[in-house]
Amino acid sequence: MAGGLTGLASLGSLKSVVSSWETRLGAVRDECEGLEPTLRQVAKELGGVDKEVGTKSNGVRVPHGGDAK
């Protein structure tokens, strides 16, 4: 292309790349939205387990000073 129109030759390619990225990002968004309920449930379950384990560990006697031998 002559003059200042050289950059316009790649415009079609750039539009194609943008379109493919928009499609991919949409798929990623949809996948994340699908995982959200499961991840929230896991967080609740693990929070309960951590609290239960913490309560059980309160019964472990540890010598003062923390000098284990």
PDB file of N, CA and C in Angstrom:
ATOM      1  N   MET A   1       0.838  -1.180   0.000  1.00  0.00           N
ATOM      2  CA  MET A   1       0.000   0.000   0.000  1.00  0.00           C
ATOM      3  C   MET A   1       0.879   1.239   0.000  1.00  0.00           C
ATOM      4  N   ALA A   2       0.406   2.213  -0.622  1.00  0.00           N
ATOM      5  CA  ALA A   2       1.188   3.432  -0.750  1.00  0.00           C
ATOM      6  C   ALA A   2       0.867   4.412   0.367  1.00  0.00           C
ATOM      7  N   GLY A   3       1.830   5.232   0.664  1.00  0.00           N
ATOM      8  CA  GLY A   3       1.627   6.314   1.611  1.00  0.00           C
ATOM      9  C   GLY A   3       1.362   5.841   3.028  1.00  0.00           C
ATOM     10  N   GLY A   4       0.424   6.495   3.700  1.00  0.00           N
ATOM     11  CA  GLY A   4       0.140   6.221   5.108  1.00  0.00           C
ATOM     12  C   GLY A   4      -0.886   5.130   5.325  1.00  0.00           C
ATOM     13  N   LEU A   5      -1.222   4.355   4.328  1.00  0.00           N
ATOM     14  CA  LEU A   5      -2.244   3.324   4.451  1.00  0.00           C
ATOM     15  C   LEU A   5      -1.679   1.941   4.783  1.00  0.00           C
ATOM     16  N   THR A   6      -0.390   1.839   4.991  1.00  0.00           N
ATOM     17  CA  THR A   6       0.238   0.544   5.232  1.00  0.00           C
ATOM     18  C   THR A   6      -0.342  -0.148   6.466  1.00  0.00           C
ATOM     19  N   GLY A   7      -0.597   0.577   7.530  1.00  0.00           N
ATOM     20  CA  GLY A   7      -1.108  -0.006   8.762  1.00  0.00           C
ATOM     21  C   GLY A   7      -2.506  -0.572   8.633  1.00  0.00           C
ATOM     22  N   LEU A   8      -3.270  -0.095   7.671  1.00  0.00           N
ATOM     23  CA  LEU A   8      -4.640  -0.570   7.497  1.00  0.00           C
ATOM     24  C   LEU A   8      -4.696  -2.006   6.984  1.00  0.00           C
ATOM     25  N   ALA A   9      -3.633  -2.499   6.419  1.00  0.00           N
ATOM     26  CA  ALA A   9      -3.621  -3.863   5.895  1.00  0.00           C
ATOM     27  C   ALA A   9      -3.782  -4.889   7.006  1.00  0.00           C
ATOM     28  N   SER A  10      -3.356  -4.555   8.212  1.00  0.00           N
ATOM     29  CA  SER A  10      -3.444  -5.506   9.318  1.00  0.00           C
ATOM     30  C   SER A  10      -4.728  -5.357  10.132  1.00  0.00           C
ATOM     31  N   LEU A  11      -5.575  -4.413   9.764  1.00  0.00           N
ATOM     32  CA  LEU A  11      -6.790  -4.150  10.526  1.00  0.00           C
ATOM     33  C   LEU A  11      -7.696  -5.378  10.600  1.00  0.00           C
ATOM     34  N   GLY A  12      -7.851  -6.085   9.517  1.00  0.00           N
ATOM     35  CA  GLY A  12      -8.674  -7.295   9.513  1.00  0.00           C
ATOM     36  C   GLY A  12      -8.133  -8.349  10.453  1.00  0.00           C
ATOM     37  N   SER A  13      -6.832  -8.518  10.480  1.00  0.00           N
ATOM     38  CA  SER A  13      -6.201  -9.488  11.379  1.00  0.00           C
ATOM     39  C   SER A  13      -6.401  -9.092  12.832  1.00  0.00           C
ATOM     40  N   LEU A  14      -6.250  -7.810  13.119  1.00  0.00           N
ATOM     41  CA  LEU A  14      -6.441  -7.328  14.484  1.00  0.00           C
ATOM     42  C   LEU A  14      -7.877  -7.554  14.958  1.00  0.00           C
ATOM     43  N   LYS A  15      -8.844  -7.314  14.092  1.00  0.00           N
ATOM     44  CA  LYS A  15     -10.244  -7.537  14.445  1.00  0.00           C
ATOM     45  C   LYS A  15     -10.489  -9.017  14.735  1.00  0.00           C
ATOM     46  N   SER A  16      -9.855  -9.877  13.977  1.00  0.00           N
ATOM     47  CA  SER A  16      -9.993 -11.323  14.183  1.00  0.00           C
ATOM     48  C   SER A  16      -9.413 -11.740  15.529  1.00  0.00           C
ATOM     49  N   VAL A  17      -8.272 -11.175  15.875  1.00  0.00           N
ATOM     50  CA  VAL A  17      -7.640 -11.483  17.162  1.00  0.00           C
ATOM     51  C   VAL A  17      -8.505 -10.994  18.314  1.00  0.00           C
ATOM     52  N   VAL A  18      -9.014  -9.795  18.214  1.00  0.00           N
ATOM     53  CA  VAL A  18      -9.874  -9.236  19.255  1.00  0.00           C
ATOM     54  C   VAL A  18     -11.112 -10.111  19.424  1.00  0.00           C
ATOM     55  N   SER A  19     -11.700 -10.508  18.324  1.00  0.00           N
ATOM     56  CA  SER A  19     -12.898 -11.339  18.372  1.00  0.00           C
ATOM     57  C   SER A  19     -12.604 -12.686  19.039  1.00  0.00           C
ATOM     58  N   SER A  20     -11.479 -13.297  18.711  1.00  0.00           N
ATOM     59  CA  SER A  20     -11.148 -14.592  19.318  1.00  0.00           C
ATOM     60  C   SER A  20     -10.868 -14.445  20.815  1.00  0.00           C
ATOM     61  N   TRP A  21     -10.238 -13.338  21.210  1.00  0.00           N
ATOM     62  CA  TRP A  21      -9.988 -13.095  22.638  1.00  0.00           C
ATOM     63  C   TRP A  21     -11.299 -12.848  23.390  1.00  0.00           C
ATOM     64  N   GLU A  22     -12.197 -12.105  22.776  1.00  0.00           N
ATOM     65  CA  GLU A  22     -13.487 -11.862  23.424  1.00  0.00           C
ATOM     66  C   GLU A  22     -14.250 -13.172  23.621  1.00  0.00           C
ATOM     67  N   THR A  23     -14.193 -14.044  22.635  1.00  0.00           N
ATOM     68  CA  THR A  23     -14.845 -15.351  22.741  1.00  0.00           C
ATOM     69  C   THR A  23     -14.216 -16.172  23.847  1.00  0.00           C
ATOM     70  N   ARG A  24     -12.900 -16.204  23.882  1.00  0.00           N
ATOM     71  CA  ARG A  24     -12.197 -16.989  24.907  1.00  0.00           C
ATOM     72  C   ARG A  24     -12.463 -16.444  26.305  1.00  0.00           C
ATOM     73  N   LEU A  25     -12.395 -15.140  26.467  1.00  0.00           N
ATOM     74  CA  LEU A  25     -12.653 -14.544  27.782  1.00  0.00           C
ATOM     75  C   LEU A  25     -14.093 -14.782  28.227  1.00  0.00           C
ATOM     76  N   GLY A  26     -15.018 -14.790  27.287  1.00  0.00           N
ATOM     77  CA  GLY A  26     -16.403 -15.119  27.615  1.00  0.00           C
ATOM     78  C   GLY A  26     -16.531 -16.546  28.117  1.00  0.00           C
ATOM     79  N   ALA A  27     -15.808 -17.469  27.493  1.00  0.00           N
ATOM     80  CA  ALA A  27     -15.827 -18.870  27.924  1.00  0.00           C
ATOM     81  C   ALA A  27     -15.214 -19.022  29.312  1.00  0.00           C
ATOM     82  N   VAL A  28     -14.141 -18.312  29.572  1.00  0.00           N
ATOM     83  CA  VAL A  28     -13.500 -18.353  30.896  1.00  0.00           C
ATOM     84  C   VAL A  28     -14.447 -17.799  31.951  1.00  0.00           C
ATOM     85  N   ARG A  29     -15.109 -16.687  31.652  1.00  0.00           N
ATOM     86  CA  ARG A  29     -16.079 -16.101  32.576  1.00  0.00           C
ATOM     87  C   ARG A  29     -17.187 -17.099  32.896  1.00  0.00           C
ATOM     88  N   ASP A  30     -17.714 -17.737  31.864  1.00  0.00           N
ATOM     89  CA  ASP A  30     -18.789 -18.704  32.064  1.00  0.00           C
ATOM     90  C   ASP A  30     -18.327 -19.886  32.916  1.00  0.00           C
ATOM     91  N   GLU A  31     -17.111 -20.341  32.675  1.00  0.00           N
ATOM     92  CA  GLU A  31     -16.574 -21.456  33.462  1.00  0.00           C
ATOM     93  C   GLU A  31     -16.402 -21.060  34.925  1.00  0.00           C
ATOM     94  N   CYS A  32     -15.904 -19.870  35.165  1.00  0.00           N
ATOM     95  CA  CYS A  32     -15.733 -19.392  36.538  1.00  0.00           C
ATOM     96  C   CYS A  32     -17.076 -19.248  37.247  1.00  0.00           C
ATOM     97  N   GLU A  33     -18.069 -18.735  36.540  1.00  0.00           N
ATOM     98  CA  GLU A  33     -19.399 -18.611  37.128  1.00  0.00           C
ATOM     99  C   GLU A  33     -19.968 -19.974  37.479  1.00  0.00           C
ATOM    100  N   GLY A  34     -19.665 -20.986  36.661  1.00  0.00           N
ATOM    101  CA  GLY A  34     -20.134 -22.340  36.933  1.00  0.00           C
ATOM    102  C   GLY A  34     -19.458 -22.956  38.149  1.00  0.00           C
ATOM    103  N   LEU A  35     -18.223 -22.568  38.408  1.00  0.00           N
ATOM    104  CA  LEU A  35     -17.469 -23.106  39.548  1.00  0.00           C
ATOM    105  C   LEU A  35     -17.812 -22.412  40.864  1.00  0.00           C
ATOM    106  N   GLU A  36     -18.348 -21.219  40.788  1.00  0.00           N
ATOM    107  CA  GLU A  36     -18.572 -20.411  41.990  1.00  0.00           C
ATOM    108  C   GLU A  36     -19.353 -21.140  43.088  1.00  0.00           C
ATOM    109  N   PRO A  37     -20.504 -21.747  42.804  1.00  0.00           N
ATOM    110  CA  PRO A  37     -21.248 -22.393  43.889  1.00  0.00           C
ATOM    111  C   PRO A  37     -20.455 -23.511  44.570  1.00  0.00           C
ATOM    112  N   THR A  38     -19.742 -24.295  43.793  1.00  0.00           N
ATOM    113  CA  THR A  38     -18.952 -25.392  44.353  1.00  0.00           C
ATOM    114  C   THR A  38     -17.822 -24.860  45.214  1.00  0.00           C
ATOM    115  N   LEU A  39     -17.128 -23.828  44.741  1.00  0.00           N
ATOM    116  CA  LEU A  39     -16.027 -23.257  45.508  1.00  0.00           C
ATOM    117  C   LEU A  39     -16.514 -22.627  46.809  1.00  0.00           C
ATOM    118  N   ARG A  40     -17.670 -21.998  46.778  1.00  0.00           N
ATOM    119  CA  ARG A  40     -18.231 -21.424  48.008  1.00  0.00           C
ATOM    120  C   ARG A  40     -18.573 -22.519  49.013  1.00  0.00           C
ATOM    121  N   GLN A  41     -19.121 -23.643  48.532  1.00  0.00           N
ATOM    122  CA  GLN A  41     -19.459 -24.749  49.421  1.00  0.00           C
ATOM    123  C   GLN A  41     -18.198 -25.354  50.037  1.00  0.00           C
ATOM    124  N   VAL A  42     -17.154 -25.518  49.243  1.00  0.00           N
ATOM    125  CA  VAL A  42     -15.892 -26.049  49.758  1.00  0.00           C
ATOM    126  C   VAL A  42     -15.331 -25.137  50.834  1.00  0.00           C
ATOM    127  N   ALA A  43     -15.409 -23.831  50.613  1.00  0.00           N
ATOM    128  CA  ALA A  43     -14.905 -22.880  51.611  1.00  0.00           C
ATOM    129  C   ALA A  43     -15.664 -23.029  52.927  1.00  0.00           C
ATOM    130  N   LYS A  44     -16.978 -23.207  52.854  1.00  0.00           N
ATOM    131  CA  LYS A  44     -17.774 -23.392  54.072  1.00  0.00           C
ATOM    132  C   LYS A  44     -17.377 -24.683  54.788  1.00  0.00           C
ATOM    133  N   GLU A  45     -17.218 -25.760  54.003  1.00  0.00           N
ATOM    134  CA  GLU A  45     -16.863 -27.055  54.595  1.00  0.00           C
ATOM    135  C   GLU A  45     -15.482 -27.017  55.239  1.00  0.00           C
ATOM    136  N   LEU A  46     -14.519 -26.429  54.543  1.00  0.00           N
ATOM    137  CA  LEU A  46     -13.163 -26.367  55.094  1.00  0.00           C
ATOM    138  C   LEU A  46     -13.098 -25.458  56.310  1.00  0.00           C
ATOM    139  N   GLY A  47     -13.878 -24.394  56.310  1.00  0.00           N
ATOM    140  CA  GLY A  47     -13.935 -23.513  57.476  1.00  0.00           C
ATOM    141  C   GLY A  47     -14.427 -24.268  58.692  1.00  0.00           C
ATOM    142  N   GLY A  48     -15.423 -25.124  58.511  1.00  0.00           N
ATOM    143  CA  GLY A  48     -15.939 -25.939  59.606  1.00  0.00           C
ATOM    144  C   GLY A  48     -14.922 -26.953  60.083  1.00  0.00           C
ATOM    145  N   VAL A  49     -14.203 -27.561  59.158  1.00  0.00           N
ATOM    146  CA  VAL A  49     -13.175 -28.540  59.513  1.00  0.00           C
ATOM    147  C   VAL A  49     -12.061 -27.858  60.289  1.00  0.00           C
ATOM    148  N   ASP A  50     -11.613 -26.702  59.815  1.00  0.00           N
ATOM    149  CA  ASP A  50     -10.547 -25.977  60.506  1.00  0.00           C
ATOM    150  C   ASP A  50     -10.959 -25.626  61.931  1.00  0.00           C
ATOM    151  N   LYS A  51     -12.180 -25.195  62.111  1.00  0.00           N
ATOM    152  CA  LYS A  51     -12.650 -24.836  63.441  1.00  0.00           C
ATOM    153  C   LYS A  51     -12.700 -26.075  64.331  1.00  0.00           C
ATOM    154  N   GLU A  52     -13.174 -27.192  63.782  1.00  0.00           N
ATOM    155  CA  GLU A  52     -13.249 -28.441  64.543  1.00  0.00           C
ATOM    156  C   GLU A  52     -11.862 -28.933  64.943  1.00  0.00           C
ATOM    157  N   VAL A  53     -10.925 -28.902  64.011  1.00  0.00           N
ATOM    158  CA  VAL A  53      -9.550 -29.334  64.300  1.00  0.00           C
ATOM    159  C   VAL A  53      -8.936 -28.407  65.339  1.00  0.00           C
ATOM    160  N   GLY A  54      -9.177 -27.120  65.233  1.00  0.00           N
ATOM    161  CA  GLY A  54      -8.647 -26.160  66.209  1.00  0.00           C
ATOM    162  C   GLY A  54      -9.170 -26.440  67.606  1.00  0.00           C
ATOM    163  N   THR A  55     -10.447 -26.765  67.691  1.00  0.00           N
ATOM    164  CA  THR A  55     -11.042 -27.069  68.987  1.00  0.00           C
ATOM    165  C   THR A  55     -10.418 -28.329  69.574  1.00  0.00           C
ATOM    166  N   LYS A  56     -10.225 -29.352  68.749  1.00  0.00           N
ATOM    167  CA  LYS A  56      -9.612 -30.595  69.223  1.00  0.00           C
ATOM    168  C   LYS A  56      -8.169 -30.370  69.671  1.00  0.00           C
ATOM    169  N   SER A  57      -7.455 -29.501  68.979  1.00  0.00           N
ATOM    170  CA  SER A  57      -6.046 -29.287  69.319  1.00  0.00           C
ATOM    171  C   SER A  57      -5.885 -28.485  70.611  1.00  0.00           C
ATOM    172  N   ASN A  58      -6.942 -27.843  71.067  1.00  0.00           N
ATOM    173  CA  ASN A  58      -6.865 -27.111  72.331  1.00  0.00           C
ATOM    174  C   ASN A  58      -6.617 -28.059  73.506  1.00  0.00           C
ATOM    175  N   GLY A  59      -6.946 -29.345  73.341  1.00  0.00           N
ATOM    176  CA  GLY A  59      -6.735 -30.329  74.395  1.00  0.00           C
ATOM    177  C   GLY A  59      -5.290 -30.852  74.470  1.00  0.00           C
ATOM    178  N   VAL A  60      -4.465 -30.495  73.513  1.00  0.00           N
ATOM    179  CA  VAL A  60      -3.065 -30.955  73.512  1.00  0.00           C
ATOM    180  C   VAL A  60      -2.264 -30.089  74.463  1.00  0.00           C
ATOM    181  N   ARG A  61      -1.574 -30.740  75.412  1.00  0.00           N
ATOM    182  CA  ARG A  61      -0.789 -30.006  76.394  1.00  0.00           C
ATOM    183  C   ARG A  61       0.596 -29.711  75.814  1.00  0.00           C
ATOM    184  N   VAL A  62       0.989 -28.463  75.871  1.00  0.00           N
ATOM    185  CA  VAL A  62       2.283 -28.017  75.350  1.00  0.00           C
ATOM    186  C   VAL A  62       3.045 -27.397  76.518  1.00  0.00           C
ATOM    187  N   PRO A  63       4.319 -27.846  76.727  1.00  0.00           N
ATOM    188  CA  PRO A  63       5.097 -27.264  77.825  1.00  0.00           C
ATOM    189  C   PRO A  63       5.327 -25.774  77.588  1.00  0.00           C
ATOM    190  N   HIS A  64       5.356 -25.014  78.660  1.00  0.00           N
ATOM    191  CA  HIS A  64       5.597 -23.581  78.540  1.00  0.00           C
ATOM    192  C   HIS A  64       7.004 -23.340  77.993  1.00  0.00           C
ATOM    193  N   GLY A  65       7.166 -22.315  77.221  1.00  0.00           N
ATOM    194  CA  GLY A  65       8.458 -21.962  76.643  1.00  0.00           C
ATOM    195  C   GLY A  65       8.641 -22.523  75.259  1.00  0.00           C
ATOM    196  N   GLY A  66       7.867 -23.543  74.913  1.00  0.00           N
ATOM    197  CA  GLY A  66       7.934 -24.095  73.554  1.00  0.00           C
ATOM    198  C   GLY A  66       9.216 -24.813  73.224  1.00  0.00           C
ATOM    199  N   ASP A  67      10.014 -25.190  74.232  1.00  0.00           N
ATOM    200  CA  ASP A  67      11.275 -25.876  73.963  1.00  0.00           C
ATOM    201  C   ASP A  67      11.044 -27.390  73.851  1.00  0.00           C
ATOM    202  N   ALA A  68      10.731 -27.845  72.650  1.00  0.00           N
ATOM    203  CA  ALA A  68      10.530 -29.280  72.442  1.00  0.00           C
ATOM    204  C   ALA A  68      11.887 -29.962  72.339  1.00  0.00           C
ATOM    205  N   LYS A  69      11.999 -31.127  72.977  1.00  0.00           N
ATOM    206  CA  LYS A  69      13.283 -31.872  72.917  1.00  0.00           C
ATOM    207  C   LYS A  69      13.040 -33.285  72.503  1.00  0.00           C
TER     208      LYS A  69
END
